[in-house]
Amino acid sequence: MAFVDWYPGYTVNNEQMDRDHQALFRAINDLREGTLEGRPEESLQKSFHFLRNYVIIHLEVEEKMLLEIGYPEFPEHKAAHEQLLHQMRIHEKLFNEGKKREAADLLSFLLKTWLVSHILSMDRAYGKFLATHRIGVSETKPSR
């Protein structure tokens, strides 16, 4: 069983964002597995930096999309992203100070909790906005 699983109910009515979220779940699982399996620090470093970079890129792409569609809740959404990035910088500092396993473990828990909560609240809210305005809405419906 994965540390965090993607469920169709997490869809935000945008195929690219859904794919990104699924990739983030996989990267979180990879980092968590690395800490539990005792992978070498080099492997943890690769997983840690991949996840960090993917999160940063995803947030930038998401913010650009929200600006382009004129999403009215953009300031609040961006503020939530900034809070996450601040927390990630704290974990990265810990990681760079040599506490790699501890930082990797903490980051995987932070992102699991934050991502699920963020998708179910803020991201699904913009998903409803997309659906209401028929902007880039996924043609596929989540299965039940």
C-alpha atoms as a PDB file:
ATOM      1  CA  MET A   1       0.000   0.000   0.000  1.00  0.00           C
ATOM      2  CA  ALA A   2       1.273   3.432  -0.915  1.00  0.00           C
ATOM      3  CA  PHE A   3       1.892   6.142   1.658  1.00  0.00           C
ATOM      4  CA  VAL A   4      -0.541   8.393  -0.205  1.00  0.00           C
ATOM      5  CA  ASP A   5      -2.917   7.292  -2.962  1.00  0.00           C
ATOM      6  CA  TRP A   6      -4.600   9.211  -5.747  1.00  0.00           C
ATOM      7  CA  TYR A   7      -8.373   8.845  -5.912  1.00  0.00           C
ATOM      8  CA  PRO A   8     -10.618   9.940  -8.797  1.00  0.00           C
ATOM      9  CA  GLY A   9     -12.452  12.192  -6.335  1.00  0.00           C
ATOM     10  CA  TYR A  10      -9.342  14.392  -6.276  1.00  0.00           C
ATOM     11  CA  THR A  11      -9.904  15.545  -9.860  1.00  0.00           C
ATOM     12  CA  VAL A  12      -9.853  19.297 -10.442  1.00  0.00           C
ATOM     13  CA  ASN A  13     -11.417  19.160 -13.929  1.00  0.00           C
ATOM     14  CA  ASN A  14      -8.121  19.885 -15.652  1.00  0.00           C
ATOM     15  CA  GLU A  15      -6.166  16.981 -17.119  1.00  0.00           C
ATOM     16  CA  GLN A  16      -2.727  18.609 -16.767  1.00  0.00           C
ATOM     17  CA  MET A  17      -3.267  19.540 -13.116  1.00  0.00           C
ATOM     18  CA  ASP A  18      -4.633  16.059 -12.372  1.00  0.00           C
ATOM     19  CA  ARG A  19      -1.574  14.467 -14.016  1.00  0.00           C
ATOM     20  CA  ASP A  20       0.710  16.761 -12.030  1.00  0.00           C
ATOM     21  CA  HIS A  21      -1.044  15.875  -8.788  1.00  0.00           C
ATOM     22  CA  GLN A  22      -0.724  12.177  -9.551  1.00  0.00           C
ATOM     23  CA  ALA A  23       2.991  12.642 -10.281  1.00  0.00           C
ATOM     24  CA  LEU A  24       3.390  14.482  -6.972  1.00  0.00           C
ATOM     25  CA  PHE A  25       1.746  11.567  -5.159  1.00  0.00           C
ATOM     26  CA  ARG A  26       4.185   9.165  -6.836  1.00  0.00           C
ATOM     27  CA  ALA A  27       7.156  11.368  -5.897  1.00  0.00           C
ATOM     28  CA  ILE A  28       5.981  11.614  -2.272  1.00  0.00           C
ATOM     29  CA  ASN A  29       5.653   7.830  -2.172  1.00  0.00           C
ATOM     30  CA  ASP A  30       9.127   7.409  -3.654  1.00  0.00           C
ATOM     31  CA  LEU A  31      10.695   9.694  -1.042  1.00  0.00           C
ATOM     32  CA  ARG A  32       8.823   7.995   1.800  1.00  0.00           C
ATOM     33  CA  GLU A  33       9.800   4.529   0.554  1.00  0.00           C
ATOM     34  CA  GLY A  34      13.409   5.680   0.361  1.00  0.00           C
ATOM     35  CA  THR A  35      13.424   6.669   4.013  1.00  0.00           C
ATOM     36  CA  LEU A  36      11.705   3.461   5.139  1.00  0.00           C
ATOM     37  CA  GLU A  37      13.924   1.199   3.031  1.00  0.00           C
ATOM     38  CA  GLY A  38      17.090   2.915   4.207  1.00  0.00           C
ATOM     39  CA  ARG A  39      18.191   3.860   0.708  1.00  0.00           C
ATOM     40  CA  PRO A  40      21.630   5.481   0.437  1.00  0.00           C
ATOM     41  CA  GLU A  41      21.736   9.229   1.084  1.00  0.00           C
ATOM     42  CA  GLU A  42      22.567   9.866  -2.582  1.00  0.00           C
ATOM     43  CA  SER A  43      19.288   8.213  -3.571  1.00  0.00           C
ATOM     44  CA  LEU A  44      17.370  10.180  -0.935  1.00  0.00           C
ATOM     45  CA  GLN A  45      18.954  13.377  -2.171  1.00  0.00           C
ATOM     46  CA  LYS A  46      17.849  12.641  -5.725  1.00  0.00           C
ATOM     47  CA  SER A  47      14.270  11.878  -4.615  1.00  0.00           C
ATOM     48  CA  PHE A  48      14.171  14.911  -2.282  1.00  0.00           C
ATOM     49  CA  HIS A  49      15.344  17.351  -4.945  1.00  0.00           C
ATOM     50  CA  PHE A  50      13.115  15.855  -7.625  1.00  0.00           C
ATOM     51  CA  LEU A  51      10.077  16.278  -5.378  1.00  0.00           C
ATOM     52  CA  ARG A  52      11.079  19.800  -4.334  1.00  0.00           C
ATOM     53  CA  ASN A  53      11.615  20.874  -7.938  1.00  0.00           C
ATOM     54  CA  TYR A  54       8.397  19.250  -9.132  1.00  0.00           C
ATOM     55  CA  VAL A  55       6.406  21.020  -6.433  1.00  0.00           C
ATOM     56  CA  ILE A  56       7.930  24.392  -7.354  1.00  0.00           C
ATOM     57  CA  ILE A  57       7.268  23.914 -11.073  1.00  0.00           C
ATOM     58  CA  HIS A  58       3.739  22.641 -10.479  1.00  0.00           C
ATOM     59  CA  LEU A  59       2.857  25.613  -8.288  1.00  0.00           C
ATOM     60  CA  GLU A  60       4.228  28.042 -10.883  1.00  0.00           C
ATOM     61  CA  VAL A  61       2.241  26.388 -13.690  1.00  0.00           C
ATOM     62  CA  GLU A  62      -0.905  26.291 -11.580  1.00  0.00           C
ATOM     63  CA  GLU A  63      -0.559  29.956 -10.611  1.00  0.00           C
ATOM     64  CA  LYS A  64      -0.026  30.955 -14.248  1.00  0.00           C
ATOM     65  CA  MET A  65      -3.164  29.052 -15.235  1.00  0.00           C
ATOM     66  CA  LEU A  66      -5.192  30.683 -12.447  1.00  0.00           C
ATOM     67  CA  LEU A  67      -4.071  34.136 -13.553  1.00  0.00           C
ATOM     68  CA  GLU A  68      -4.880  33.376 -17.192  1.00  0.00           C
ATOM     69  CA  ILE A  69      -8.433  32.263 -16.390  1.00  0.00           C
ATOM     70  CA  GLY A  70      -9.031  35.226 -14.075  1.00  0.00           C
ATOM     71  CA  TYR A  71      -9.630  33.054 -11.039  1.00  0.00           C
ATOM     72  CA  PRO A  72     -11.074  35.370  -8.368  1.00  0.00           C
ATOM     73  CA  GLU A  73      -9.522  33.475  -5.427  1.00  0.00           C
ATOM     74  CA  PHE A  74      -5.997  33.701  -6.832  1.00  0.00           C
ATOM     75  CA  PRO A  75      -4.478  35.802  -4.002  1.00  0.00           C
ATOM     76  CA  GLU A  76      -5.568  33.303  -1.349  1.00  0.00           C
ATOM     77  CA  HIS A  77      -4.423  30.380  -3.479  1.00  0.00           C
ATOM     78  CA  LYS A  78      -1.005  31.935  -4.033  1.00  0.00           C
ATOM     79  CA  ALA A  79      -0.686  32.680  -0.305  1.00  0.00           C
ATOM     80  CA  ALA A  80      -1.276  28.988   0.464  1.00  0.00           C
ATOM     81  CA  HIS A  81       1.445  28.079  -2.039  1.00  0.00           C
ATOM     82  CA  GLU A  82       3.838  30.564  -0.413  1.00  0.00           C
ATOM     83  CA  GLN A  83       3.204  29.023   3.009  1.00  0.00           C
ATOM     84  CA  LEU A  84       4.029  25.581   1.639  1.00  0.00           C
ATOM     85  CA  LEU A  85       7.196  26.838  -0.035  1.00  0.00           C
ATOM     86  CA  HIS A  86       8.290  28.412   3.260  1.00  0.00           C
ATOM     87  CA  GLN A  87       7.819  25.082   5.058  1.00  0.00           C
ATOM     88  CA  MET A  88       9.689  23.277   2.286  1.00  0.00           C
ATOM     89  CA  ARG A  89      12.648  25.680   2.648  1.00  0.00           C
ATOM     90  CA  ILE A  90      12.825  24.791   6.348  1.00  0.00           C
ATOM     91  CA  HIS A  91      12.990  21.085   5.491  1.00  0.00           C
ATOM     92  CA  GLU A  92      15.531  21.723   2.753  1.00  0.00           C
ATOM     93  CA  LYS A  93      17.759  23.598   5.216  1.00  0.00           C
ATOM     94  CA  LEU A  94      17.572  20.639   7.581  1.00  0.00           C
ATOM     95  CA  PHE A  95      18.374  18.320   4.672  1.00  0.00           C
ATOM     96  CA  ASN A  96      21.388  20.409   3.665  1.00  0.00           C
ATOM     97  CA  GLU A  97      22.634  20.446   7.255  1.00  0.00           C
ATOM     98  CA  GLY A  98      23.084  16.691   7.010  1.00  0.00           C
ATOM     99  CA  LYS A  99      19.829  15.509   8.579  1.00  0.00           C
ATOM    100  CA  LYS A 100      18.765  13.932   5.306  1.00  0.00           C
ATOM    101  CA  ARG A 101      16.581  11.067   6.552  1.00  0.00           C
ATOM    102  CA  GLU A 102      14.802  13.214   9.106  1.00  0.00           C
ATOM    103  CA  ALA A 103      14.171  15.997   6.582  1.00  0.00           C
ATOM    104  CA  ALA A 104      13.023  13.562   3.889  1.00  0.00           C
ATOM    105  CA  ASP A 105      10.618  11.904   6.310  1.00  0.00           C
ATOM    106  CA  LEU A 106       9.242  15.242   7.509  1.00  0.00           C
ATOM    107  CA  LEU A 107       8.866  16.533   3.949  1.00  0.00           C
ATOM    108  CA  SER A 108       6.955  13.443   2.837  1.00  0.00           C
ATOM    109  CA  PHE A 109       4.507  13.842   5.758  1.00  0.00           C
ATOM    110  CA  LEU A 110       4.153  17.601   5.155  1.00  0.00           C
ATOM    111  CA  LEU A 111       3.433  17.168   1.464  1.00  0.00           C
ATOM    112  CA  LYS A 112       1.057  14.254   1.964  1.00  0.00           C
ATOM    113  CA  THR A 113      -1.015  16.218   4.456  1.00  0.00           C
ATOM    114  CA  TRP A 114      -0.791  19.537   2.639  1.00  0.00           C
ATOM    115  CA  LEU A 115      -1.403  18.205  -0.858  1.00  0.00           C
ATOM    116  CA  VAL A 116      -4.484  16.151  -0.013  1.00  0.00           C
ATOM    117  CA  SER A 117      -5.989  19.015   1.988  1.00  0.00           C
ATOM    118  CA  HIS A 118      -5.101  21.591  -0.668  1.00  0.00           C
ATOM    119  CA  ILE A 119      -6.520  19.516  -3.527  1.00  0.00           C
ATOM    120  CA  LEU A 120      -9.758  18.791  -1.680  1.00  0.00           C
ATOM    121  CA  SER A 121     -10.338  22.415  -0.773  1.00  0.00           C
ATOM    122  CA  MET A 122      -8.567  25.070  -2.841  1.00  0.00           C
ATOM    123  CA  ASP A 123      -7.816  23.115  -6.025  1.00  0.00           C
ATOM    124  CA  ARG A 124     -11.262  21.595  -6.273  1.00  0.00           C
ATOM    125  CA  ALA A 125     -12.667  25.108  -5.855  1.00  0.00           C
ATOM    126  CA  TYR A 126     -10.834  26.265  -8.968  1.00  0.00           C
ATOM    127  CA  GLY A 127     -11.955  23.015 -10.594  1.00  0.00           C
ATOM    128  CA  LYS A 128     -15.556  24.083 -10.041  1.00  0.00           C
ATOM    129  CA  PHE A 129     -14.723  27.498 -11.496  1.00  0.00           C
ATOM    130  CA  LEU A 130     -13.227  25.805 -14.563  1.00  0.00           C
ATOM    131  CA  ALA A 131     -16.287  23.589 -14.966  1.00  0.00           C
ATOM    132  CA  THR A 132     -18.730  26.460 -14.512  1.00  0.00           C
ATOM    133  CA  HIS A 133     -16.915  28.556 -17.095  1.00  0.00           C
ATOM    134  CA  ARG A 134     -16.075  25.555 -19.343  1.00  0.00           C
ATOM    135  CA  ILE A 135     -12.374  26.430 -19.320  1.00  0.00           C
ATOM    136  CA  GLY A 136     -10.074  23.507 -20.126  1.00  0.00           C
ATOM    137  CA  VAL A 137     -12.415  21.047 -18.451  1.00  0.00           C
ATOM    138  CA  SER A 138     -11.483  17.385 -18.610  1.00  0.00           C
ATOM    139  CA  GLU A 139     -13.763  15.383 -20.840  1.00  0.00           C
ATOM    140  CA  THR A 140     -13.419  12.344 -18.622  1.00  0.00           C
ATOM    141  CA  LYS A 141     -15.511  12.074 -15.489  1.00  0.00           C
ATOM    142  CA  PRO A 142     -14.184  10.425 -12.339  1.00  0.00           C
ATOM    143  CA  SER A 143     -15.432   6.877 -11.858  1.00  0.00           C
ATOM    144  CA  ARG A 144     -17.391   5.996  -8.759  1.00  0.00           C
END
